[in-house]
Amino acid sequence: MAEAQVRRFRGAIDRLTGAAAADRFGIAVSGGPDSMALLWLASAAFPGRVEAATVDHGLRAASTEEAAMVGNYCAGQGIVHSVLHPAEPITGNIQSAARAARYALLNTWREERDLDWLLTAHHADDQLETVLMRLNRGSGVAGLAGVRARSGNVLRPLLGWRKAELQALVDAQGVPFVQDPSNTDSRFDRAALRKRLVDVDWLDPVAATRSAAALADAEDALQWLVDGLATRHVVREVDGWRLNQPAFPREVQRRLVLHMLNLAAPESPTPRGDALDAALVQLNAGGKTMLGDWLLEGGSHWTLRPAPPRRS
């Protein structure tokens, strides 16, 4: 069984990377059963080409001991292990801020250790939760694509695996692990959803992962199309930007408007979906509308210019 699982894992990596023979892998390991299973699979599939890192946010009293547990396991397996700490305390939206800090630390670590890829332990059950949460927020194609199997140097080779499979693997191999209490804390949206999904056996996480992958391909295709159209039809003007051919399907229009806004003000927040939809209605009717600090005007071509100063 273990040999088949290692072959399955190696095949997933080969599909994501093109099977580069000498690539080295950094494994993000929290100490939970999912990431410990990932560490075991990676070290079995690519012996001598794996390092591990644990991010200790310092948010829980047990986090230092959990990082030490991962370090002790790695030492016994001959795997180099690092513990990473944020430079600043995590504040605000704790889960979101911790996630951003975690990826920043891990990416810096990967570069410093000259590792080709960073692997995370997201699996099919995680993907189902992500898709359902984004569906509930009214996300479009990009959001419903869920967690990408490959995003830059980040690989998620376990998206086709169930959480129960990973738990069974660490149990069978005697791999130590810890359980993060925040994973079952209903104050967090994902944990609350997870509890509600426990007895829902008619939702297939692996099928949801396939759907998310199909939507990811659709998102890439749409973006490729829009990039080409923008090159041909979005023109710089003295005081703004002009879309000289707006007669496209609605989703393409939406993306072209966002493209112009990004050109004009790359640091500005992206407009909310309902605000953008309302703007498209006005533009298609030949009218004027505001998005943030920008005035858009419809007609045979669409223009984007700074909005006039507001009257006091």
Protein backbone atom coordinates (compact mmCIF):
# COMPACT_ATOMS: atom_id res chain seq x y z
CA MET A 1 0.00 0.00 0.00
CA ALA A 2 2.72 2.49 0.98
CA GLU A 3 4.62 1.91 -2.28
CA ALA A 4 1.46 2.57 -4.29
CA GLN A 5 0.85 5.79 -2.34
CA VAL A 6 4.41 6.97 -2.98
CA ARG A 7 4.04 6.24 -6.72
CA ARG A 8 0.74 8.10 -6.74
CA PHE A 9 2.36 11.07 -5.04
CA ARG A 10 5.36 11.07 -7.34
CA GLY A 11 3.01 11.01 -10.33
CA ALA A 12 1.15 14.06 -9.01
CA ILE A 13 4.44 15.95 -8.63
CA ASP A 14 5.59 14.92 -12.11
CA ARG A 15 2.34 16.21 -13.65
CA LEU A 16 2.73 19.54 -11.89
CA THR A 17 6.43 20.11 -12.55
CA GLY A 18 7.22 18.19 -15.73
CA ALA A 19 9.28 15.64 -13.81
CA ALA A 20 12.46 17.69 -13.40
CA ALA A 21 14.91 15.08 -12.11
CA ALA A 22 17.02 17.24 -9.81
CA ASP A 23 14.37 19.55 -8.32
CA ARG A 24 14.44 20.16 -4.57
CA PHE A 25 11.31 20.51 -2.47
CA GLY A 26 10.46 22.61 0.55
CA ILE A 27 7.60 21.21 2.63
CA ALA A 28 5.38 23.47 4.73
CA VAL A 29 4.72 21.41 7.86
CA SER A 30 2.42 22.60 10.63
CA GLY A 31 2.57 19.30 12.51
CA GLY A 32 -1.00 18.29 11.69
CA PRO A 33 -1.73 14.89 10.13
CA ASP A 34 -2.14 16.34 6.63
CA SER A 35 1.22 18.11 6.50
CA MET A 36 3.00 15.23 8.26
CA ALA A 37 1.59 12.88 5.61
CA LEU A 38 2.88 15.26 2.94
CA LEU A 39 6.31 15.28 4.56
CA TRP A 40 6.40 11.48 4.72
CA LEU A 41 5.30 11.10 1.09
CA ALA A 42 7.76 13.70 -0.21
CA SER A 43 10.73 12.27 1.67
CA ALA A 44 9.84 8.74 0.52
CA ALA A 45 9.38 9.84 -3.11
CA PHE A 46 12.40 12.16 -3.28
CA PRO A 47 14.95 11.09 -0.64
CA GLY A 48 17.68 13.65 -0.04
CA ARG A 49 15.83 16.34 -1.99
CA VAL A 50 13.43 17.53 0.72
CA GLU A 51 13.61 20.15 3.48
CA ALA A 52 10.85 21.16 5.89
CA ALA A 53 9.79 24.39 7.58
CA THR A 54 7.30 25.12 10.34
CA VAL A 55 5.90 28.61 10.86
CA ASP A 56 5.38 29.36 14.54
CA HIS A 57 3.06 32.38 14.69
CA GLY A 58 3.16 32.37 18.49
CA LEU A 59 -0.64 32.50 18.62
CA ARG A 60 -1.02 29.46 20.87
CA ALA A 61 0.93 28.29 23.89
CA ALA A 62 1.46 24.86 22.34
CA SER A 63 2.87 26.11 19.02
CA THR A 64 6.51 26.00 20.18
CA GLU A 65 6.14 22.38 21.30
CA GLU A 66 4.43 21.48 18.03
CA ALA A 67 7.28 22.97 15.99
CA ALA A 68 9.74 21.04 18.16
CA MET A 69 7.82 17.81 17.50
CA VAL A 70 8.20 18.35 13.75
CA GLY A 71 11.90 19.15 14.25
CA ASN A 72 12.48 15.97 16.25
CA TYR A 73 10.77 13.85 13.62
CA CYS A 74 12.82 15.47 10.85
CA ALA A 75 16.05 14.93 12.78
CA GLY A 76 15.24 11.24 13.05
CA GLN A 77 14.61 11.05 9.30
CA GLY A 78 17.67 13.07 8.25
CA ILE A 79 15.54 15.95 6.95
CA VAL A 80 16.71 19.56 7.42
CA HIS A 81 14.06 21.48 9.36
CA SER A 82 13.63 25.20 10.06
CA VAL A 83 11.29 27.07 12.40
CA LEU A 84 10.16 30.44 11.06
CA HIS A 85 8.74 33.33 13.12
CA PRO A 86 6.91 36.45 11.89
CA ALA A 87 8.79 39.67 12.51
CA GLU A 88 5.63 41.39 13.76
CA PRO A 89 2.74 40.12 15.91
CA ILE A 90 -0.30 38.83 13.99
CA THR A 91 -3.19 41.29 14.31
CA GLY A 92 -6.52 42.08 12.65
CA ASN A 93 -8.24 39.17 10.90
CA ILE A 94 -6.12 36.49 12.56
CA GLN A 95 -6.53 33.68 10.04
CA SER A 96 -6.07 35.92 7.01
CA ALA A 97 -3.10 37.78 8.49
CA ALA A 98 -1.48 34.54 9.64
CA ARG A 99 -1.90 33.03 6.16
CA ALA A 100 -0.27 36.04 4.49
CA ALA A 101 2.62 36.04 6.97
CA ARG A 102 3.05 32.27 6.59
CA TYR A 103 3.39 32.36 2.80
CA ALA A 104 5.75 35.34 2.93
CA LEU A 105 8.02 33.57 5.42
CA LEU A 106 7.92 30.28 3.54
CA ASN A 107 8.69 31.88 0.19
CA THR A 108 11.68 33.73 1.65
CA TRP A 109 12.87 30.49 3.26
CA ARG A 110 12.49 28.60 -0.04
CA GLU A 111 14.61 31.17 -1.86
CA GLU A 112 17.27 31.28 0.84
CA ARG A 113 17.53 27.48 0.89
CA ASP A 114 17.68 27.34 -2.93
CA LEU A 115 14.63 25.08 -3.13
CA ASP A 116 12.75 24.82 -6.41
CA TRP A 117 9.25 24.27 -5.03
CA LEU A 118 7.19 24.87 -1.92
CA LEU A 119 4.65 22.11 -1.19
CA THR A 120 1.57 22.58 0.98
CA ALA A 121 -0.83 19.91 2.24
CA HIS A 122 -4.16 21.18 0.89
CA HIS A 123 -6.35 18.18 0.05
CA ALA A 124 -9.72 17.44 -1.57
CA ASP A 125 -11.73 18.15 1.60
CA ASP A 126 -10.03 21.55 1.89
CA GLN A 127 -10.90 22.26 -1.73
CA LEU A 128 -14.57 21.41 -1.22
CA GLU A 129 -14.71 23.75 1.79
CA THR A 130 -13.04 26.54 -0.19
CA VAL A 131 -15.39 26.20 -3.15
CA LEU A 132 -18.49 26.14 -0.94
CA MET A 133 -17.36 29.18 1.06
CA ARG A 134 -16.68 31.13 -2.13
CA LEU A 135 -19.95 29.98 -3.70
CA ASN A 136 -21.73 31.32 -0.62
CA ARG A 137 -20.01 34.68 -1.15
CA GLY A 138 -21.11 34.87 -4.79
CA SER A 139 -17.64 34.37 -6.29
CA GLY A 140 -17.10 34.22 -10.04
CA VAL A 141 -14.97 31.88 -12.12
CA ALA A 142 -11.67 32.84 -10.48
CA GLY A 143 -12.98 32.33 -6.95
CA LEU A 144 -14.75 29.05 -7.72
CA ALA A 145 -11.51 27.70 -9.19
CA GLY A 146 -10.60 27.24 -5.53
CA VAL A 147 -7.07 26.49 -4.45
CA ARG A 148 -4.73 26.07 -7.43
CA ALA A 149 -2.70 22.88 -7.75
CA ARG A 150 0.20 25.02 -8.94
CA SER A 151 0.61 28.72 -8.26
CA GLY A 152 4.05 30.05 -9.12
CA ASN A 153 6.50 27.98 -7.10
CA VAL A 154 3.79 26.63 -4.79
CA LEU A 155 2.57 23.08 -5.44
CA ARG A 156 -0.43 21.37 -3.86
CA PRO A 157 -0.03 17.73 -4.91
CA LEU A 158 -2.60 16.34 -2.45
CA LEU A 159 -5.71 17.97 -3.93
CA GLY A 160 -6.79 14.58 -5.25
CA TRP A 161 -6.45 12.94 -1.80
CA ARG A 162 -9.08 12.74 0.93
CA LYS A 163 -8.24 13.83 4.46
CA ALA A 164 -9.12 10.36 5.73
CA GLU A 165 -6.50 8.84 3.40
CA LEU A 166 -3.81 11.11 4.84
CA GLN A 167 -4.85 10.32 8.39
CA ALA A 168 -4.72 6.59 7.62
CA LEU A 169 -1.25 7.03 6.12
CA VAL A 170 0.31 8.66 9.19
CA ASP A 171 -1.40 6.10 11.42
CA ALA A 172 -0.05 3.20 9.37
CA GLN A 173 3.49 4.61 9.20
CA GLY A 174 3.61 5.65 12.86
CA VAL A 175 4.22 9.30 11.95
CA PRO A 176 3.60 11.65 14.91
CA PHE A 177 1.17 14.54 14.54
CA VAL A 178 -0.77 17.12 16.52
CA GLN A 179 -4.28 18.51 16.15
CA ASP A 180 -4.68 22.29 15.89
CA PRO A 181 -7.73 23.25 18.04
CA SER A 182 -8.53 26.15 15.68
CA ASN A 183 -9.52 23.56 13.07
CA THR A 184 -12.59 22.75 15.15
CA ASP A 185 -13.26 26.22 16.57
CA SER A 186 -16.67 27.28 15.24
CA ARG A 187 -15.75 30.95 15.62
CA PHE A 188 -13.88 30.51 12.35
CA ASP A 189 -16.01 30.19 9.19
CA ARG A 190 -14.09 27.25 7.76
CA ALA A 191 -14.25 25.26 10.98
CA ALA A 192 -17.99 25.91 11.28
CA LEU A 193 -18.54 24.70 7.71
CA ARG A 194 -16.34 21.67 8.31
CA LYS A 195 -18.54 20.57 11.20
CA ARG A 196 -21.64 20.83 9.02
CA LEU A 197 -20.05 18.72 6.28
CA VAL A 198 -19.15 15.79 8.53
CA ASP A 199 -22.40 13.89 7.89
CA VAL A 200 -22.96 15.12 4.31
CA ASP A 201 -21.98 12.04 2.35
CA TRP A 202 -23.55 13.06 -0.98
CA LEU A 203 -20.93 15.76 -1.62
CA ASP A 204 -17.82 14.26 -3.23
CA PRO A 205 -14.70 16.33 -2.44
CA VAL A 206 -12.66 14.68 -5.21
CA ALA A 207 -15.36 15.51 -7.76
CA ALA A 208 -15.44 19.09 -6.43
CA THR A 209 -11.68 19.23 -6.92
CA ARG A 210 -12.09 18.17 -10.56
CA SER A 211 -14.72 20.89 -11.06
CA ALA A 212 -12.45 23.48 -9.45
CA ALA A 213 -9.60 22.41 -11.73
CA ALA A 214 -11.87 22.80 -14.77
CA LEU A 215 -12.81 26.29 -13.61
CA ALA A 216 -9.13 27.09 -13.08
CA ASP A 217 -8.51 26.13 -16.72
CA ALA A 218 -11.47 28.31 -17.77
CA GLU A 219 -10.09 31.22 -15.73
CA ASP A 220 -6.70 30.87 -17.42
CA ALA A 221 -8.35 30.76 -20.85
CA LEU A 222 -10.44 33.85 -20.12
CA GLN A 223 -7.44 35.76 -18.86
CA TRP A 224 -5.43 34.78 -21.93
CA LEU A 225 -8.26 36.02 -24.14
CA VAL A 226 -8.60 39.31 -22.25
CA ASP A 227 -4.86 39.95 -22.28
CA GLY A 228 -4.89 39.69 -26.07
CA LEU A 229 -7.97 41.89 -26.44
CA ALA A 230 -6.52 44.50 -24.09
CA THR A 231 -3.35 44.69 -26.16
CA ARG A 232 -5.42 45.45 -29.27
CA HIS A 233 -8.25 47.54 -27.87
CA VAL A 234 -7.16 49.39 -24.69
CA VAL A 235 -5.49 52.65 -25.67
CA ARG A 236 -3.68 55.21 -23.52
CA GLU A 237 -5.06 58.74 -23.68
CA VAL A 238 -3.73 61.98 -22.22
CA ASP A 239 -5.99 61.87 -19.18
CA GLY A 240 -6.94 58.21 -18.97
CA TRP A 241 -7.65 55.08 -20.97
CA ARG A 242 -10.03 54.15 -23.81
CA LEU A 243 -11.55 50.81 -24.76
CA ASN A 244 -12.11 51.29 -28.47
CA GLN A 245 -14.19 48.12 -28.93
CA PRO A 246 -16.53 47.22 -26.06
CA ALA A 247 -18.86 44.85 -27.93
CA PHE A 248 -17.83 41.69 -26.08
CA PRO A 249 -19.59 39.22 -23.80
CA ARG A 250 -20.30 40.60 -20.34
CA GLU A 251 -17.55 38.69 -18.55
CA VAL A 252 -14.98 39.94 -21.07
CA GLN A 253 -16.26 43.51 -20.60
CA ARG A 254 -15.94 43.11 -16.84
CA ARG A 255 -12.34 42.02 -17.12
CA LEU A 256 -11.42 44.74 -19.60
CA VAL A 257 -12.80 47.41 -17.27
CA LEU A 258 -10.81 45.91 -14.40
CA HIS A 259 -7.76 45.89 -16.67
CA MET A 260 -8.16 49.63 -17.36
CA LEU A 261 -8.65 50.36 -13.66
CA ASN A 262 -5.52 48.40 -12.84
CA LEU A 263 -3.54 50.33 -15.45
CA ALA A 264 -4.82 53.63 -14.07
CA ALA A 265 -4.47 52.84 -10.36
CA PRO A 266 -2.69 49.55 -9.68
CA GLU A 267 -2.67 50.10 -5.91
CA SER A 268 -6.40 50.80 -5.61
CA PRO A 269 -8.75 48.11 -4.28
CA THR A 270 -10.71 46.07 -6.80
CA PRO A 271 -14.36 47.22 -7.06
CA ARG A 272 -16.96 44.96 -5.50
CA GLY A 273 -18.77 42.70 -7.93
CA ASP A 274 -22.16 44.38 -7.54
CA ALA A 275 -20.65 47.84 -8.11
CA LEU A 276 -18.90 46.61 -11.23
CA ASP A 277 -22.08 44.95 -12.54
CA ALA A 278 -24.04 48.17 -12.03
CA ALA A 279 -21.33 50.08 -13.88
CA LEU A 280 -21.54 47.70 -16.84
CA VAL A 281 -25.29 48.30 -17.10
CA GLN A 282 -24.66 52.05 -17.38
CA LEU A 283 -21.78 51.67 -19.83
CA ASN A 284 -23.74 49.36 -22.12
CA ALA A 285 -26.58 51.93 -22.13
CA GLY A 286 -24.12 54.65 -23.19
CA GLY A 287 -24.19 56.37 -19.81
CA LYS A 288 -21.67 57.54 -17.25
CA THR A 289 -20.76 55.93 -13.95
CA MET A 290 -18.24 56.18 -11.14
CA LEU A 291 -15.97 53.47 -9.78
CA GLY A 292 -13.96 54.79 -6.88
CA ASP A 293 -12.10 57.90 -8.02
CA TRP A 294 -12.65 57.16 -11.69
CA LEU A 295 -15.31 58.26 -14.17
CA LEU A 296 -16.31 55.82 -16.90
CA GLU A 297 -18.32 56.80 -19.95
CA GLY A 298 -19.99 54.37 -22.35
CA GLY A 299 -20.96 54.58 -26.01
CA SER A 300 -19.23 53.27 -29.12
CA HIS A 301 -16.08 53.27 -27.05
CA TRP A 302 -15.60 53.37 -23.29
CA THR A 303 -13.33 55.83 -21.53
CA LEU A 304 -11.81 55.89 -18.05
CA ARG A 305 -10.72 59.24 -16.64
CA PRO A 306 -10.13 60.72 -13.19
CA ALA A 307 -13.39 61.87 -11.65
CA PRO A 308 -13.83 65.64 -11.35
CA PRO A 309 -13.31 67.10 -7.86
CA ARG A 310 -16.36 66.72 -5.64
CA ARG A 311 -18.15 69.92 -4.72
CA SER A 312 -17.81 70.80 -1.05
